[in-house]
N, C-alpha and C. Protein backbone atom coordinates (compact mmCIF):
# COMPACT_ATOMS: atom_id res chain seq x y z
N UNK A 1 0.84 -1.18 -0.01
CA UNK A 1 0.00 -0.01 0.00
C UNK A 1 0.90 1.24 0.00
N UNK A 2 0.66 2.11 -0.90
CA UNK A 2 1.38 3.36 -0.98
C UNK A 2 0.63 4.44 -0.20
N UNK A 3 1.27 5.54 -0.06
CA UNK A 3 0.62 6.70 0.57
C UNK A 3 -0.58 7.14 -0.29
N UNK A 4 -1.71 7.38 0.39
CA UNK A 4 -2.89 7.83 -0.29
C UNK A 4 -3.31 9.17 0.29
N UNK A 5 -3.94 9.96 -0.59
CA UNK A 5 -4.40 11.29 -0.19
C UNK A 5 -5.92 11.34 -0.25
N UNK A 6 -6.50 12.03 0.70
CA UNK A 6 -7.91 12.31 0.67
C UNK A 6 -8.09 13.73 0.15
N UNK A 7 -9.08 13.94 -0.66
CA UNK A 7 -9.28 15.27 -1.27
C UNK A 7 -10.68 15.76 -1.02
N UNK A 8 -10.83 17.10 -1.10
CA UNK A 8 -12.14 17.68 -0.98
C UNK A 8 -12.84 17.70 -2.37
N UNK A 9 -13.98 18.31 -2.43
CA UNK A 9 -14.73 18.32 -3.69
C UNK A 9 -14.01 19.10 -4.82
N UNK A 10 -13.04 19.93 -4.42
CA UNK A 10 -12.29 20.71 -5.43
C UNK A 10 -10.99 20.02 -5.84
N UNK A 11 -10.71 18.85 -5.21
CA UNK A 11 -9.49 18.12 -5.55
C UNK A 11 -8.30 18.52 -4.69
N UNK A 12 -8.51 19.40 -3.69
CA UNK A 12 -7.44 19.80 -2.77
C UNK A 12 -7.17 18.68 -1.77
N UNK A 13 -5.89 18.39 -1.57
CA UNK A 13 -5.55 17.36 -0.61
C UNK A 13 -5.85 17.87 0.81
N UNK A 14 -6.58 17.07 1.56
CA UNK A 14 -7.00 17.45 2.91
C UNK A 14 -6.45 16.53 3.99
N UNK A 15 -6.02 15.33 3.62
CA UNK A 15 -5.52 14.37 4.59
C UNK A 15 -4.66 13.35 3.86
N UNK A 16 -3.96 12.63 4.66
CA UNK A 16 -3.09 11.57 4.06
C UNK A 16 -3.27 10.26 4.82
N UNK A 17 -3.20 9.16 4.12
CA UNK A 17 -3.27 7.82 4.69
C UNK A 17 -1.92 7.12 4.48
N UNK A 18 -1.26 6.73 5.55
CA UNK A 18 0.05 6.11 5.49
C UNK A 18 0.00 4.69 5.98
N UNK A 19 0.79 3.82 5.40
CA UNK A 19 0.95 2.51 6.01
C UNK A 19 1.55 2.66 7.39
N UNK A 20 1.17 1.82 8.33
CA UNK A 20 1.60 1.89 9.73
C UNK A 20 3.11 1.89 9.86
N UNK A 21 3.80 1.11 9.09
CA UNK A 21 5.28 1.04 9.15
C UNK A 21 5.86 2.42 8.80
N UNK A 22 5.35 3.00 7.81
CA UNK A 22 5.82 4.31 7.40
C UNK A 22 5.53 5.36 8.49
N UNK A 23 4.36 5.28 9.05
CA UNK A 23 3.96 6.19 10.13
C UNK A 23 4.91 6.05 11.33
N UNK A 24 5.17 4.82 11.70
CA UNK A 24 6.05 4.59 12.84
C UNK A 24 7.46 5.06 12.59
N UNK A 25 7.97 4.89 11.37
CA UNK A 25 9.29 5.42 11.03
C UNK A 25 9.31 6.94 11.11
N UNK A 26 8.24 7.57 10.71
CA UNK A 26 8.13 9.00 10.77
C UNK A 26 8.15 9.47 12.21
N UNK A 27 7.48 8.78 13.09
CA UNK A 27 7.48 9.14 14.51
C UNK A 27 8.89 8.99 15.11
N UNK A 28 9.61 7.91 14.75
CA UNK A 28 10.97 7.71 15.25
C UNK A 28 11.86 8.87 14.77
N UNK A 29 11.75 9.27 13.53
CA UNK A 29 12.55 10.38 13.04
C UNK A 29 12.24 11.71 13.75
N UNK A 30 10.95 11.90 14.06
CA UNK A 30 10.57 13.08 14.79
C UNK A 30 11.15 13.09 16.20
N UNK A 31 11.17 11.92 16.83
CA UNK A 31 11.77 11.81 18.17
C UNK A 31 13.27 12.09 18.13
N UNK A 32 13.93 11.59 17.07
CA UNK A 32 15.36 11.87 16.89
C UNK A 32 15.60 13.37 16.73
N UNK A 33 14.76 14.00 15.95
CA UNK A 33 14.90 15.46 15.75
C UNK A 33 14.68 16.22 17.05
N UNK A 34 13.74 15.73 17.83
CA UNK A 34 13.49 16.38 19.17
C UNK A 34 14.68 16.24 20.05
N UNK A 35 15.34 15.05 20.03
CA UNK A 35 16.58 14.88 20.81
C UNK A 35 17.65 15.86 20.38
N UNK A 36 17.79 16.08 19.09
CA UNK A 36 18.81 17.02 18.56
C UNK A 36 18.46 18.44 19.03
N UNK A 37 17.15 18.77 18.93
CA UNK A 37 16.72 20.13 19.37
C UNK A 37 17.02 20.34 20.84
N UNK A 38 16.73 19.34 21.68
CA UNK A 38 17.03 19.48 23.09
C UNK A 38 18.52 19.57 23.35
N UNK A 39 19.32 18.84 22.62
CA UNK A 39 20.77 18.90 22.75
C UNK A 39 21.25 20.34 22.37
N UNK A 40 20.77 20.80 21.25
CA UNK A 40 21.17 22.17 20.82
C UNK A 40 20.73 23.23 21.85
N UNK A 41 19.57 23.04 22.43
CA UNK A 41 19.10 23.99 23.45
C UNK A 41 20.02 23.94 24.67
N UNK A 42 20.40 22.72 25.05
CA UNK A 42 21.28 22.60 26.21
C UNK A 42 22.66 23.23 25.92
N UNK A 43 23.15 23.09 24.70
CA UNK A 43 24.45 23.66 24.34
C UNK A 43 24.37 25.19 24.39
N UNK A 44 23.28 25.79 23.98
CA UNK A 44 23.12 27.23 24.01
C UNK A 44 23.06 27.76 25.45
N UNK A 45 22.53 26.94 26.32
CA UNK A 45 22.39 27.34 27.75
C UNK A 45 23.58 26.88 28.58
N UNK A 46 24.66 26.44 27.93
CA UNK A 46 25.81 25.90 28.62
C UNK A 46 26.43 26.89 29.60
N UNK A 47 26.40 26.54 30.86
CA UNK A 47 26.99 27.40 31.89
C UNK A 47 28.19 26.73 32.54
N UNK A 48 28.70 25.69 31.89
CA UNK A 48 29.84 24.97 32.42
C UNK A 48 29.48 23.82 33.32
N UNK A 49 28.22 23.74 33.71
CA UNK A 49 27.73 22.65 34.56
C UNK A 49 27.66 21.38 33.73
N UNK A 50 28.13 20.28 34.27
CA UNK A 50 28.13 18.99 33.56
C UNK A 50 27.41 17.95 34.39
N UNK A 51 26.72 17.05 33.66
CA UNK A 51 26.07 15.91 34.32
C UNK A 51 26.41 14.64 33.57
N UNK A 52 26.16 13.53 34.22
CA UNK A 52 26.45 12.21 33.62
C UNK A 52 25.46 12.00 32.48
N UNK A 53 25.94 11.22 31.50
CA UNK A 53 25.13 10.95 30.28
C UNK A 53 23.80 10.27 30.67
N UNK A 54 23.85 9.36 31.64
CA UNK A 54 22.59 8.68 32.03
C UNK A 54 21.57 9.70 32.59
N UNK A 55 22.04 10.64 33.33
CA UNK A 55 21.18 11.70 33.88
C UNK A 55 20.64 12.58 32.72
N UNK A 56 21.50 12.85 31.78
CA UNK A 56 21.08 13.67 30.62
C UNK A 56 19.94 12.98 29.85
N UNK A 57 20.10 11.68 29.59
CA UNK A 57 19.05 10.94 28.87
C UNK A 57 17.77 10.90 29.67
N UNK A 58 17.86 10.81 30.98
CA UNK A 58 16.68 10.81 31.84
C UNK A 58 15.94 12.11 31.70
N UNK A 59 16.67 13.20 31.72
CA UNK A 59 16.06 14.52 31.59
C UNK A 59 15.42 14.71 30.22
N UNK A 60 16.09 14.25 29.19
CA UNK A 60 15.59 14.34 27.79
C UNK A 60 14.26 13.54 27.72
N UNK A 61 14.22 12.35 28.27
CA UNK A 61 13.03 11.53 28.21
C UNK A 61 11.89 12.19 28.98
N UNK A 62 12.16 12.78 30.12
CA UNK A 62 11.12 13.48 30.88
C UNK A 62 10.56 14.66 30.09
N UNK A 63 11.46 15.40 29.41
CA UNK A 63 11.01 16.55 28.63
C UNK A 63 10.18 16.08 27.44
N UNK A 64 10.61 14.94 26.79
CA UNK A 64 9.87 14.41 25.67
C UNK A 64 8.46 14.00 26.09
N UNK A 65 8.33 13.40 27.25
CA UNK A 65 7.01 12.95 27.71
C UNK A 65 6.09 14.11 28.02
N UNK A 66 6.63 15.20 28.57
CA UNK A 66 5.79 16.36 28.89
C UNK A 66 5.49 17.17 27.64
N UNK A 67 6.27 17.01 26.57
CA UNK A 67 6.01 17.73 25.31
C UNK A 67 4.86 17.14 24.52
N UNK A 68 4.49 15.93 24.83
CA UNK A 68 3.41 15.24 24.06
C UNK A 68 2.08 15.69 24.47
């Protein structure tokens, strides 16, 4: 099944229908981009304070959950 588009009476695309595998891959890529955004934000706010990588991932996951 390929990507399908729903259109209105004028032929304008109004929605899209994706195979679930494609949709899930899209979500994964969005999560990766969010991780990059959070990393970039942290770099801009760098005050010299450092934390362990495990703690950083924990903070990122918490922010990701609250962003949904």
